[in-house]
Amino acid sequence: MENDNQLTLLEAQNKVDEWIKTYGVRYFSELTNMTILTEEVGELARIMARTYGDQSFKNSDLKTNLADEMADVLWVLLCLANQTGVNLTEAFYNNIKKKTTRDKDRHKNNEKL
């Protein structure tokens, strides 16, 4: 697969769908993919805790790759979006609008920041 420097969320959703239909036979069930997403987030959390937190690496952690684990999380999220009919581009823009409306002054006025 080519390495695109720029990829929209819709293009990413389409690439995942094409891969699943070509190599994956079919999507796992939504519940299975939700469980896999949770597992992948846990693997990402493990690397973050060891790289940026106070935990030390174990030998079994040394072969892990932060970018690859983030991509695993994104992959399964894209699968779930495809399965449930969510357009992530639209959802992302709507989420930015929601956060802007709700939090436009909240962080600026937070003395802790």
PDB file of N, CA and C in Angstrom:
ATOM      1  N   MET A   1       0.852  -1.184   0.000  1.00  0.00           N
ATOM      2  CA  MET A   1       0.000   0.000   0.000  1.00  0.00           C
ATOM      3  C   MET A   1       0.891   1.238   0.000  1.00  0.00           C
ATOM      4  N   GLU A   2       0.535   2.214  -0.790  1.00  0.00           N
ATOM      5  CA  GLU A   2       1.329   3.434  -0.872  1.00  0.00           C
ATOM      6  C   GLU A   2       1.253   4.211   0.432  1.00  0.00           C
ATOM      7  N   ASN A   3       2.230   5.057   0.640  1.00  0.00           N
ATOM      8  CA  ASN A   3       2.302   5.849   1.865  1.00  0.00           C
ATOM      9  C   ASN A   3       1.900   7.280   1.534  1.00  0.00           C
ATOM     10  N   ASP A   4       0.634   7.612   1.714  1.00  0.00           N
ATOM     11  CA  ASP A   4       0.151   8.962   1.439  1.00  0.00           C
ATOM     12  C   ASP A   4       0.597   9.905   2.535  1.00  0.00           C
ATOM     13  N   ASN A   5       1.099  11.062   2.115  1.00  0.00           N
ATOM     14  CA  ASN A   5       1.503  12.062   3.102  1.00  0.00           C
ATOM     15  C   ASN A   5       0.305  12.742   3.723  1.00  0.00           C
ATOM     16  N   GLN A   6      -0.773  12.835   2.968  1.00  0.00           N
ATOM     17  CA  GLN A   6      -1.982  13.471   3.451  1.00  0.00           C
ATOM     18  C   GLN A   6      -3.164  12.567   3.132  1.00  0.00           C
ATOM     19  N   LEU A   7      -4.004  12.371   4.100  1.00  0.00           N
ATOM     20  CA  LEU A   7      -5.132  11.468   3.936  1.00  0.00           C
ATOM     21  C   LEU A   7      -6.299  12.035   4.722  1.00  0.00           C
ATOM     22  N   THR A   8      -7.438  12.208   4.077  1.00  0.00           N
ATOM     23  CA  THR A   8      -8.609  12.680   4.809  1.00  0.00           C
ATOM     24  C   THR A   8      -9.169  11.532   5.640  1.00  0.00           C
ATOM     25  N   LEU A   9     -10.010  11.859   6.584  1.00  0.00           N
ATOM     26  CA  LEU A   9     -10.657  10.813   7.373  1.00  0.00           C
ATOM     27  C   LEU A   9     -11.523   9.927   6.483  1.00  0.00           C
ATOM     28  N   LEU A  10     -12.215  10.528   5.531  1.00  0.00           N
ATOM     29  CA  LEU A  10     -13.045   9.738   4.621  1.00  0.00           C
ATOM     30  C   LEU A  10     -12.182   8.786   3.793  1.00  0.00           C
ATOM     31  N   GLU A  11     -11.059   9.268   3.306  1.00  0.00           N
ATOM     32  CA  GLU A  11     -10.146   8.395   2.564  1.00  0.00           C
ATOM     33  C   GLU A  11      -9.640   7.262   3.446  1.00  0.00           C
ATOM     34  N   ALA A  12      -9.348   7.569   4.698  1.00  0.00           N
ATOM     35  CA  ALA A  12      -8.896   6.531   5.635  1.00  0.00           C
ATOM     36  C   ALA A  12     -10.006   5.504   5.855  1.00  0.00           C
ATOM     37  N   GLN A  13     -11.232   5.976   6.030  1.00  0.00           N
ATOM     38  CA  GLN A  13     -12.356   5.051   6.191  1.00  0.00           C
ATOM     39  C   GLN A  13     -12.496   4.160   4.959  1.00  0.00           C
ATOM     40  N   ASN A  14     -12.341   4.744   3.781  1.00  0.00           N
ATOM     41  CA  ASN A  14     -12.451   3.975   2.550  1.00  0.00           C
ATOM     42  C   ASN A  14     -11.316   2.972   2.399  1.00  0.00           C
ATOM     43  N   LYS A  15     -10.090   3.354   2.786  1.00  0.00           N
ATOM     44  CA  LYS A  15      -8.947   2.432   2.710  1.00  0.00           C
ATOM     45  C   LYS A  15      -9.157   1.230   3.636  1.00  0.00           C
ATOM     46  N   VAL A  16      -9.651   1.489   4.833  1.00  0.00           N
ATOM     47  CA  VAL A  16      -9.926   0.395   5.765  1.00  0.00           C
ATOM     48  C   VAL A  16     -10.998  -0.522   5.191  1.00  0.00           C
ATOM     49  N   ASP A  17     -12.055   0.064   4.651  1.00  0.00           N
ATOM     50  CA  ASP A  17     -13.139  -0.740   4.087  1.00  0.00           C
ATOM     51  C   ASP A  17     -12.628  -1.595   2.926  1.00  0.00           C
ATOM     52  N   GLU A  18     -11.819  -1.007   2.069  1.00  0.00           N
ATOM     53  CA  GLU A  18     -11.245  -1.745   0.938  1.00  0.00           C
ATOM     54  C   GLU A  18     -10.361  -2.895   1.433  1.00  0.00           C
ATOM     55  N   TRP A  19      -9.550  -2.627   2.460  1.00  0.00           N
ATOM     56  CA  TRP A  19      -8.670  -3.664   3.001  1.00  0.00           C
ATOM     57  C   TRP A  19      -9.492  -4.806   3.589  1.00  0.00           C
ATOM     58  N   ILE A  20     -10.493  -4.452   4.371  1.00  0.00           N
ATOM     59  CA  ILE A  20     -11.336  -5.485   4.991  1.00  0.00           C
ATOM     60  C   ILE A  20     -11.972  -6.361   3.913  1.00  0.00           C
ATOM     61  N   LYS A  21     -12.501  -5.741   2.879  1.00  0.00           N
ATOM     62  CA  LYS A  21     -13.170  -6.494   1.823  1.00  0.00           C
ATOM     63  C   LYS A  21     -12.197  -7.309   0.973  1.00  0.00           C
ATOM     64  N   THR A  22     -10.940  -6.880   0.901  1.00  0.00           N
ATOM     65  CA  THR A  22      -9.940  -7.582   0.100  1.00  0.00           C
ATOM     66  C   THR A  22      -9.233  -8.676   0.885  1.00  0.00           C
ATOM     67  N   TYR A  23      -8.837  -8.368   2.124  1.00  0.00           N
ATOM     68  CA  TYR A  23      -8.011  -9.284   2.905  1.00  0.00           C
ATOM     69  C   TYR A  23      -8.680  -9.824   4.162  1.00  0.00           C
ATOM     70  N   GLY A  24      -9.623  -9.109   4.676  1.00  0.00           N
ATOM     71  CA  GLY A  24     -10.184  -9.458   5.971  1.00  0.00           C
ATOM     72  C   GLY A  24     -11.443 -10.291   5.932  1.00  0.00           C
ATOM     73  N   VAL A  25     -11.936 -10.615   4.764  1.00  0.00           N
ATOM     74  CA  VAL A  25     -13.158 -11.379   4.547  1.00  0.00           C
ATOM     75  C   VAL A  25     -14.382 -10.563   4.942  1.00  0.00           C
ATOM     76  N   ARG A  26     -14.464 -10.140   6.200  1.00  0.00           N
ATOM     77  CA  ARG A  26     -15.574  -9.304   6.665  1.00  0.00           C
ATOM     78  C   ARG A  26     -15.125  -8.602   7.943  1.00  0.00           C
ATOM     79  N   TYR A  27     -15.898  -7.610   8.346  1.00  0.00           N
ATOM     80  CA  TYR A  27     -15.635  -6.946   9.618  1.00  0.00           C
ATOM     81  C   TYR A  27     -15.960  -7.909  10.755  1.00  0.00           C
ATOM     82  N   PHE A  28     -15.191  -7.825  11.838  1.00  0.00           N
ATOM     83  CA  PHE A  28     -15.617  -8.473  13.071  1.00  0.00           C
ATOM     84  C   PHE A  28     -16.883  -7.760  13.525  1.00  0.00           C
ATOM     85  N   SER A  29     -17.646  -8.366  14.414  1.00  0.00           N
ATOM     86  CA  SER A  29     -18.857  -7.702  14.910  1.00  0.00           C
ATOM     87  C   SER A  29     -18.486  -6.391  15.610  1.00  0.00           C
ATOM     88  N   GLU A  30     -19.464  -5.522  15.706  1.00  0.00           N
ATOM     89  CA  GLU A  30     -19.231  -4.226  16.367  1.00  0.00           C
ATOM     90  C   GLU A  30     -18.766  -4.420  17.803  1.00  0.00           C
ATOM     91  N   LEU A  31     -19.369  -5.363  18.501  1.00  0.00           N
ATOM     92  CA  LEU A  31     -18.977  -5.601  19.888  1.00  0.00           C
ATOM     93  C   LEU A  31     -17.550  -6.137  19.969  1.00  0.00           C
ATOM     94  N   THR A  32     -17.201  -7.038  19.067  1.00  0.00           N
ATOM     95  CA  THR A  32     -15.819  -7.545  19.039  1.00  0.00           C
ATOM     96  C   THR A  32     -14.854  -6.398  18.751  1.00  0.00           C
ATOM     97  N   ASN A  33     -15.179  -5.548  17.782  1.00  0.00           N
ATOM     98  CA  ASN A  33     -14.290  -4.423  17.470  1.00  0.00           C
ATOM     99  C   ASN A  33     -14.210  -3.425  18.622  1.00  0.00           C
ATOM    100  N   MET A  34     -15.291  -3.243  19.353  1.00  0.00           N
ATOM    101  CA  MET A  34     -15.232  -2.361  20.522  1.00  0.00           C
ATOM    102  C   MET A  34     -14.274  -2.933  21.557  1.00  0.00           C
ATOM    103  N   THR A  35     -14.300  -4.233  21.729  1.00  0.00           N
ATOM    104  CA  THR A  35     -13.391  -4.886  22.669  1.00  0.00           C
ATOM    105  C   THR A  35     -11.955  -4.781  22.180  1.00  0.00           C
ATOM    106  N   ILE A  36     -11.754  -4.969  20.881  1.00  0.00           N
ATOM    107  CA  ILE A  36     -10.410  -4.831  20.316  1.00  0.00           C
ATOM    108  C   ILE A  36      -9.911  -3.400  20.482  1.00  0.00           C
ATOM    109  N   LEU A  37     -10.792  -2.417  20.289  1.00  0.00           N
ATOM    110  CA  LEU A  37     -10.408  -1.015  20.486  1.00  0.00           C
ATOM    111  C   LEU A  37      -9.926  -0.794  21.913  1.00  0.00           C
ATOM    112  N   THR A  38     -10.640  -1.342  22.867  1.00  0.00           N
ATOM    113  CA  THR A  38     -10.255  -1.213  24.266  1.00  0.00           C
ATOM    114  C   THR A  38      -8.889  -1.842  24.501  1.00  0.00           C
ATOM    115  N   GLU A  39      -8.655  -2.994  23.910  1.00  0.00           N
ATOM    116  CA  GLU A  39      -7.359  -3.665  24.023  1.00  0.00           C
ATOM    117  C   GLU A  39      -6.246  -2.806  23.415  1.00  0.00           C
ATOM    118  N   GLU A  40      -6.498  -2.252  22.242  1.00  0.00           N
ATOM    119  CA  GLU A  40      -5.479  -1.424  21.580  1.00  0.00           C
ATOM    120  C   GLU A  40      -5.183  -0.151  22.372  1.00  0.00           C
ATOM    121  N   VAL A  41      -6.209   0.461  22.951  1.00  0.00           N
ATOM    122  CA  VAL A  41      -5.988   1.648  23.795  1.00  0.00           C
ATOM    123  C   VAL A  41      -5.143   1.266  25.011  1.00  0.00           C
ATOM    124  N   GLY A  42      -5.379   0.078  25.558  1.00  0.00           N
ATOM    125  CA  GLY A  42      -4.572  -0.401  26.677  1.00  0.00           C
ATOM    126  C   GLY A  42      -3.111  -0.572  26.288  1.00  0.00           C
ATOM    127  N   GLU A  43      -2.867  -1.094  25.085  1.00  0.00           N
ATOM    128  CA  GLU A  43      -1.485  -1.247  24.619  1.00  0.00           C
ATOM    129  C   GLU A  43      -0.817   0.110  24.433  1.00  0.00           C
ATOM    130  N   LEU A  44      -1.566   1.078  23.922  1.00  0.00           N
ATOM    131  CA  LEU A  44      -1.055   2.439  23.791  1.00  0.00           C
ATOM    132  C   LEU A  44      -0.769   3.032  25.165  1.00  0.00           C
ATOM    133  N   ALA A  45      -1.664   2.819  26.101  1.00  0.00           N
ATOM    134  CA  ALA A  45      -1.491   3.344  27.462  1.00  0.00           C
ATOM    135  C   ALA A  45      -0.229   2.756  28.106  1.00  0.00           C
ATOM    136  N   ARG A  46       0.023   1.496  27.851  1.00  0.00           N
ATOM    137  CA  ARG A  46       1.210   0.837  28.411  1.00  0.00           C
ATOM    138  C   ARG A  46       2.485   1.529  27.930  1.00  0.00           C
ATOM    139  N   ILE A  47       2.563   1.815  26.633  1.00  0.00           N
ATOM    140  CA  ILE A  47       3.742   2.507  26.092  1.00  0.00           C
ATOM    141  C   ILE A  47       3.852   3.914  26.659  1.00  0.00           C
ATOM    142  N   MET A  48       2.729   4.613  26.744  1.00  0.00           N
ATOM    143  CA  MET A  48       2.745   5.976  27.277  1.00  0.00           C
ATOM    144  C   MET A  48       3.213   5.993  28.726  1.00  0.00           C
ATOM    145  N   ALA A  49       2.726   5.032  29.520  1.00  0.00           N
ATOM    146  CA  ALA A  49       3.103   4.969  30.937  1.00  0.00           C
ATOM    147  C   ALA A  49       4.595   4.713  31.101  1.00  0.00           C
ATOM    148  N   ARG A  50       5.156   3.924  30.198  1.00  0.00           N
ATOM    149  CA  ARG A  50       6.570   3.583  30.305  1.00  0.00           C
ATOM    150  C   ARG A  50       7.467   4.659  29.685  1.00  0.00           C
ATOM    151  N   THR A  51       6.977   5.307  28.637  1.00  0.00           N
ATOM    152  CA  THR A  51       7.784   6.323  27.970  1.00  0.00           C
ATOM    153  C   THR A  51       7.703   7.675  28.675  1.00  0.00           C
ATOM    154  N   TYR A  52       6.512   8.069  29.089  1.00  0.00           N
ATOM    155  CA  TYR A  52       6.314   9.404  29.656  1.00  0.00           C
ATOM    156  C   TYR A  52       5.945   9.387  31.128  1.00  0.00           C
ATOM    157  N   GLY A  53       5.630   8.219  31.648  1.00  0.00           N
ATOM    158  CA  GLY A  53       5.256   8.091  33.046  1.00  0.00           C
ATOM    159  C   GLY A  53       6.401   7.528  33.870  1.00  0.00           C
ATOM    160  N   ASP A  54       6.044   6.989  35.004  1.00  0.00           N
ATOM    161  CA  ASP A  54       7.041   6.548  35.967  1.00  0.00           C
ATOM    162  C   ASP A  54       7.392   5.073  35.871  1.00  0.00           C
ATOM    163  N   GLN A  55       6.662   4.320  35.054  1.00  0.00           N
ATOM    164  CA  GLN A  55       6.949   2.897  34.963  1.00  0.00           C
ATOM    165  C   GLN A  55       8.162   2.654  34.070  1.00  0.00           C
ATOM    166  N   SER A  56       8.894   1.587  34.376  1.00  0.00           N
ATOM    167  CA  SER A  56      10.035   1.223  33.543  1.00  0.00           C
ATOM    168  C   SER A  56       9.606   0.175  32.530  1.00  0.00           C
ATOM    169  N   PHE A  57      10.367   0.091  31.452  1.00  0.00           N
ATOM    170  CA  PHE A  57      10.070  -0.886  30.407  1.00  0.00           C
ATOM    171  C   PHE A  57      10.455  -2.283  30.866  1.00  0.00           C
ATOM    172  N   LYS A  58       9.647  -3.259  30.468  1.00  0.00           N
ATOM    173  CA  LYS A  58       9.978  -4.668  30.623  1.00  0.00           C
ATOM    174  C   LYS A  58      10.556  -5.127  29.293  1.00  0.00           C
ATOM    175  N   ASN A  59      11.237  -6.248  29.278  1.00  0.00           N
ATOM    176  CA  ASN A  59      11.787  -6.764  28.021  1.00  0.00           C
ATOM    177  C   ASN A  59      10.709  -6.922  26.967  1.00  0.00           C
ATOM    178  N   SER A  60       9.528  -7.363  27.369  1.00  0.00           N
ATOM    179  CA  SER A  60       8.434  -7.580  26.414  1.00  0.00           C
ATOM    180  C   SER A  60       7.917  -6.263  25.827  1.00  0.00           C
ATOM    181  N   ASP A  61       8.204  -5.129  26.471  1.00  0.00           N
ATOM    182  CA  ASP A  61       7.752  -3.829  25.985  1.00  0.00           C
ATOM    183  C   ASP A  61       8.699  -3.228  24.951  1.00  0.00           C
ATOM    184  N   LEU A  62       9.916  -3.720  24.896  1.00  0.00           N
ATOM    185  CA  LEU A  62      10.937  -3.072  24.085  1.00  0.00           C
ATOM    186  C   LEU A  62      10.673  -3.148  22.588  1.00  0.00           C
ATOM    187  N   LYS A  63       9.879  -4.116  22.147  1.00  0.00           N
ATOM    188  CA  LYS A  63       9.583  -4.239  20.722  1.00  0.00           C
ATOM    189  C   LYS A  63       8.377  -3.408  20.302  1.00  0.00           C
ATOM    190  N   THR A  64       7.761  -2.692  21.219  1.00  0.00           N
ATOM    191  CA  THR A  64       6.570  -1.906  20.910  1.00  0.00           C
ATOM    192  C   THR A  64       6.946  -0.594  20.234  1.00  0.00           C
ATOM    193  N   ASN A  65       5.984  -0.032  19.538  1.00  0.00           N
ATOM    194  CA  ASN A  65       6.203   1.180  18.764  1.00  0.00           C
ATOM    195  C   ASN A  65       5.014   2.107  18.972  1.00  0.00           C
ATOM    196  N   LEU A  66       5.255   3.286  19.497  1.00  0.00           N
ATOM    197  CA  LEU A  66       4.189   4.239  19.828  1.00  0.00           C
ATOM    198  C   LEU A  66       3.323   4.566  18.613  1.00  0.00           C
ATOM    199  N   ALA A  67       3.949   4.903  17.496  1.00  0.00           N
ATOM    200  CA  ALA A  67       3.182   5.274  16.304  1.00  0.00           C
ATOM    201  C   ALA A  67       2.324   4.109  15.817  1.00  0.00           C
ATOM    202  N   ASP A  68       2.868   2.899  15.852  1.00  0.00           N
ATOM    203  CA  ASP A  68       2.120   1.727  15.408  1.00  0.00           C
ATOM    204  C   ASP A  68       0.923   1.468  16.314  1.00  0.00           C
ATOM    205  N   GLU A  69       1.099   1.651  17.614  1.00  0.00           N
ATOM    206  CA  GLU A  69      -0.024   1.453  18.536  1.00  0.00           C
ATOM    207  C   GLU A  69      -1.102   2.509  18.326  1.00  0.00           C
ATOM    208  N   MET A  70      -0.703   3.752  18.057  1.00  0.00           N
ATOM    209  CA  MET A  70      -1.697   4.792  17.745  1.00  0.00           C
ATOM    210  C   MET A  70      -2.444   4.442  16.471  1.00  0.00           C
ATOM    211  N   ALA A  71      -1.720   3.929  15.476  1.00  0.00           N
ATOM    212  CA  ALA A  71      -2.354   3.531  14.216  1.00  0.00           C
ATOM    213  C   ALA A  71      -3.318   2.368  14.432  1.00  0.00           C
ATOM    214  N   ASP A  72      -2.981   1.441  15.330  1.00  0.00           N
ATOM    215  CA  ASP A  72      -3.899   0.345  15.650  1.00  0.00           C
ATOM    216  C   ASP A  72      -5.207   0.875  16.228  1.00  0.00           C
ATOM    217  N   VAL A  73      -5.113   1.856  17.118  1.00  0.00           N
ATOM    218  CA  VAL A  73      -6.310   2.468  17.710  1.00  0.00           C
ATOM    219  C   VAL A  73      -7.142   3.119  16.608  1.00  0.00           C
ATOM    220  N   LEU A  74      -6.479   3.878  15.744  1.00  0.00           N
ATOM    221  CA  LEU A  74      -7.183   4.554  14.653  1.00  0.00           C
ATOM    222  C   LEU A  74      -7.839   3.542  13.719  1.00  0.00           C
ATOM    223  N   TRP A  75      -7.135   2.471  13.389  1.00  0.00           N
ATOM    224  CA  TRP A  75      -7.665   1.433  12.495  1.00  0.00           C
ATOM    225  C   TRP A  75      -9.004   0.889  13.008  1.00  0.00           C
ATOM    226  N   VAL A  76      -9.017   0.496  14.277  1.00  0.00           N
ATOM    227  CA  VAL A  76     -10.235  -0.105  14.818  1.00  0.00           C
ATOM    228  C   VAL A  76     -11.343   0.942  14.937  1.00  0.00           C
ATOM    229  N   LEU A  77     -10.994   2.165  15.262  1.00  0.00           N
ATOM    230  CA  LEU A  77     -11.992   3.231  15.298  1.00  0.00           C
ATOM    231  C   LEU A  77     -12.596   3.454  13.907  1.00  0.00           C
ATOM    232  N   LEU A  78     -11.761   3.420  12.883  1.00  0.00           N
ATOM    233  CA  LEU A  78     -12.251   3.550  11.513  1.00  0.00           C
ATOM    234  C   LEU A  78     -13.168   2.382  11.152  1.00  0.00           C
ATOM    235  N   CYS A  79     -12.809   1.181  11.590  1.00  0.00           N
ATOM    236  CA  CYS A  79     -13.684   0.021  11.373  1.00  0.00           C
ATOM    237  C   CYS A  79     -15.047   0.252  12.003  1.00  0.00           C
ATOM    238  N   LEU A  80     -15.052   0.681  13.243  1.00  0.00           N
ATOM    239  CA  LEU A  80     -16.318   0.913  13.951  1.00  0.00           C
ATOM    240  C   LEU A  80     -17.145   1.998  13.266  1.00  0.00           C
ATOM    241  N   ALA A  81     -16.487   3.043  12.797  1.00  0.00           N
ATOM    242  CA  ALA A  81     -17.212   4.105  12.088  1.00  0.00           C
ATOM    243  C   ALA A  81     -17.855   3.543  10.823  1.00  0.00           C
ATOM    244  N   ASN A  82     -17.102   2.758  10.078  1.00  0.00           N
ATOM    245  CA  ASN A  82     -17.652   2.159   8.858  1.00  0.00           C
ATOM    246  C   ASN A  82     -18.837   1.258   9.177  1.00  0.00           C
ATOM    247  N   GLN A  83     -18.707   0.469  10.202  1.00  0.00           N
ATOM    248  CA  GLN A  83     -19.753  -0.489  10.549  1.00  0.00           C
ATOM    249  C   GLN A  83     -21.036   0.173  11.019  1.00  0.00           C
ATOM    250  N   THR A  84     -20.906   1.308  11.665  1.00  0.00           N
ATOM    251  CA  THR A  84     -22.066   1.961  12.261  1.00  0.00           C
ATOM    252  C   THR A  84     -22.572   3.141  11.432  1.00  0.00           C
ATOM    253  N   GLY A  85     -21.964   3.367  10.263  1.00  0.00           N
ATOM    254  CA  GLY A  85     -22.422   4.430   9.376  1.00  0.00           C
ATOM    255  C   GLY A  85     -22.050   5.830   9.817  1.00  0.00           C
ATOM    256  N   VAL A  86     -20.982   5.953  10.598  1.00  0.00           N
ATOM    257  CA  VAL A  86     -20.547   7.267  11.058  1.00  0.00           C
ATOM    258  C   VAL A  86     -19.536   7.851  10.071  1.00  0.00           C
ATOM    259  N   ASN A  87     -19.808   9.056   9.606  1.00  0.00           N
ATOM    260  CA  ASN A  87     -18.864   9.801   8.787  1.00  0.00           C
ATOM    261  C   ASN A  87     -17.968  10.562   9.764  1.00  0.00           C
ATOM    262  N   LEU A  88     -16.743  10.104   9.927  1.00  0.00           N
ATOM    263  CA  LEU A  88     -15.866  10.700  10.943  1.00  0.00           C
ATOM    264  C   LEU A  88     -15.486  12.140  10.626  1.00  0.00           C
ATOM    265  N   THR A  89     -15.440  12.507   9.364  1.00  0.00           N
ATOM    266  CA  THR A  89     -15.150  13.900   9.015  1.00  0.00           C
ATOM    267  C   THR A  89     -16.239  14.810   9.563  1.00  0.00           C
ATOM    268  N   GLU A  90     -17.466  14.461   9.272  1.00  0.00           N
ATOM    269  CA  GLU A  90     -18.612  15.240   9.763  1.00  0.00           C
ATOM    270  C   GLU A  90     -18.650  15.223  11.293  1.00  0.00           C
ATOM    271  N   ALA A  91     -18.454  14.060  11.873  1.00  0.00           N
ATOM    272  CA  ALA A  91     -18.484  13.942  13.335  1.00  0.00           C
ATOM    273  C   ALA A  91     -17.382  14.781  13.974  1.00  0.00           C
ATOM    274  N   PHE A  92     -16.194  14.783  13.357  1.00  0.00           N
ATOM    275  CA  PHE A  92     -15.076  15.552  13.899  1.00  0.00           C
ATOM    276  C   PHE A  92     -15.363  17.046  13.869  1.00  0.00           C
ATOM    277  N   TYR A  93     -15.862  17.549  12.731  1.00  0.00           N
ATOM    278  CA  TYR A  93     -16.191  18.979  12.639  1.00  0.00           C
ATOM    279  C   TYR A  93     -17.303  19.362  13.612  1.00  0.00           C
ATOM    280  N   ASN A  94     -18.296  18.509  13.755  1.00  0.00           N
ATOM    281  CA  ASN A  94     -19.358  18.775  14.728  1.00  0.00           C
ATOM    282  C   ASN A  94     -18.813  18.780  16.146  1.00  0.00           C
ATOM    283  N   ASN A  95     -17.850  17.926  16.420  1.00  0.00           N
ATOM    284  CA  ASN A  95     -17.250  17.857  17.747  1.00  0.00           C
ATOM    285  C   ASN A  95     -16.435  19.120  18.041  1.00  0.00           C
ATOM    286  N   ILE A  96     -15.725  19.615  17.026  1.00  0.00           N
ATOM    287  CA  ILE A  96     -14.980  20.871  17.206  1.00  0.00           C
ATOM    288  C   ILE A  96     -15.948  22.008  17.513  1.00  0.00           C
ATOM    289  N   LYS A  97     -17.064  22.082  16.767  1.00  0.00           N
ATOM    290  CA  LYS A  97     -18.070  23.127  17.025  1.00  0.00           C
ATOM    291  C   LYS A  97     -18.590  23.030  18.455  1.00  0.00           C
ATOM    292  N   LYS A  98     -18.897  21.817  18.893  1.00  0.00           N
ATOM    293  CA  LYS A  98     -19.417  21.611  20.247  1.00  0.00           C
ATOM    294  C   LYS A  98     -18.400  22.081  21.283  1.00  0.00           C
ATOM    295  N   LYS A  99     -17.156  21.687  21.118  1.00  0.00           N
ATOM    296  CA  LYS A  99     -16.121  22.065  22.076  1.00  0.00           C
ATOM    297  C   LYS A  99     -15.881  23.579  22.074  1.00  0.00           C
ATOM    298  N   THR A 100     -15.920  24.178  20.896  1.00  0.00           N
ATOM    299  CA  THR A 100     -15.700  25.623  20.794  1.00  0.00           C
ATOM    300  C   THR A 100     -16.816  26.376  21.496  1.00  0.00           C
ATOM    301  N   THR A 101     -18.050  25.971  21.262  1.00  0.00           N
ATOM    302  CA  THR A 101     -19.191  26.614  21.914  1.00  0.00           C
ATOM    303  C   THR A 101     -19.121  26.437  23.431  1.00  0.00           C
ATOM    304  N   ARG A 102     -18.838  25.239  23.855  1.00  0.00           N
ATOM    305  CA  ARG A 102     -18.834  24.916  25.289  1.00  0.00           C
ATOM    306  C   ARG A 102     -17.614  25.482  26.009  1.00  0.00           C
ATOM    307  N   ASP A 103     -16.449  25.456  25.364  1.00  0.00           N
ATOM    308  CA  ASP A 103     -15.191  25.723  26.069  1.00  0.00           C
ATOM    309  C   ASP A 103     -14.426  26.945  25.569  1.00  0.00           C
ATOM    310  N   LYS A 104     -15.070  27.818  24.778  1.00  0.00           N
ATOM    311  CA  LYS A 104     -14.317  28.916  24.163  1.00  0.00           C
ATOM    312  C   LYS A 104     -13.585  29.787  25.177  1.00  0.00           C
ATOM    313  N   ASP A 105     -14.112  29.942  26.381  1.00  0.00           N
ATOM    314  CA  ASP A 105     -13.446  30.756  27.400  1.00  0.00           C
ATOM    315  C   ASP A 105     -12.977  29.925  28.588  1.00  0.00           C
ATOM    316  N   ARG A 106     -13.448  28.718  28.685  1.00  0.00           N
ATOM    317  CA  ARG A 106     -13.181  27.889  29.867  1.00  0.00           C
ATOM    318  C   ARG A 106     -11.686  27.706  30.133  1.00  0.00           C
ATOM    319  N   HIS A 107     -10.931  27.351  29.127  1.00  0.00           N
ATOM    320  CA  HIS A 107      -9.509  27.078  29.337  1.00  0.00           C
ATOM    321  C   HIS A 107      -8.704  28.368  29.496  1.00  0.00           C
ATOM    322  N   LYS A 108      -9.112  29.401  28.785  1.00  0.00           N
ATOM    323  CA  LYS A 108      -8.430  30.692  28.921  1.00  0.00           C
ATOM    324  C   LYS A 108      -8.561  31.240  30.345  1.00  0.00           C
ATOM    325  N   ASN A 109      -9.708  30.940  30.974  1.00  0.00           N
ATOM    326  CA  ASN A 109      -9.967  31.449  32.335  1.00  0.00           C
ATOM    327  C   ASN A 109      -9.536  30.481  33.444  1.00  0.00           C
ATOM    328  N   ASN A 110      -8.916  29.392  33.076  1.00  0.00           N
ATOM    329  CA  ASN A 110      -8.477  28.399  34.053  1.00  0.00           C
ATOM    330  C   ASN A 110      -7.111  28.792  34.598  1.00  0.00           C
ATOM    331  N   GLU A 111      -7.063  29.176  35.847  1.00  0.00           N
ATOM    332  CA  GLU A 111      -5.803  29.623  36.464  1.00  0.00           C
ATOM    333  C   GLU A 111      -4.777  28.500  36.532  1.00  0.00           C
ATOM    334  N   LYS A 112      -5.214  27.247  36.490  1.00  0.00           N
ATOM    335  CA  LYS A 112      -4.295  26.119  36.534  1.00  0.00           C
ATOM    336  C   LYS A 112      -3.494  25.976  35.239  1.00  0.00           C
ATOM    337  N   LEU A 113      -4.025  26.532  34.170  1.00  0.00           N
ATOM    338  CA  LEU A 113      -3.328  26.461  32.892  1.00  0.00           C
ATOM    339  C   LEU A 113      -2.521  27.712  32.718  1.00  0.00           C
TER     340      LEU A 113
END
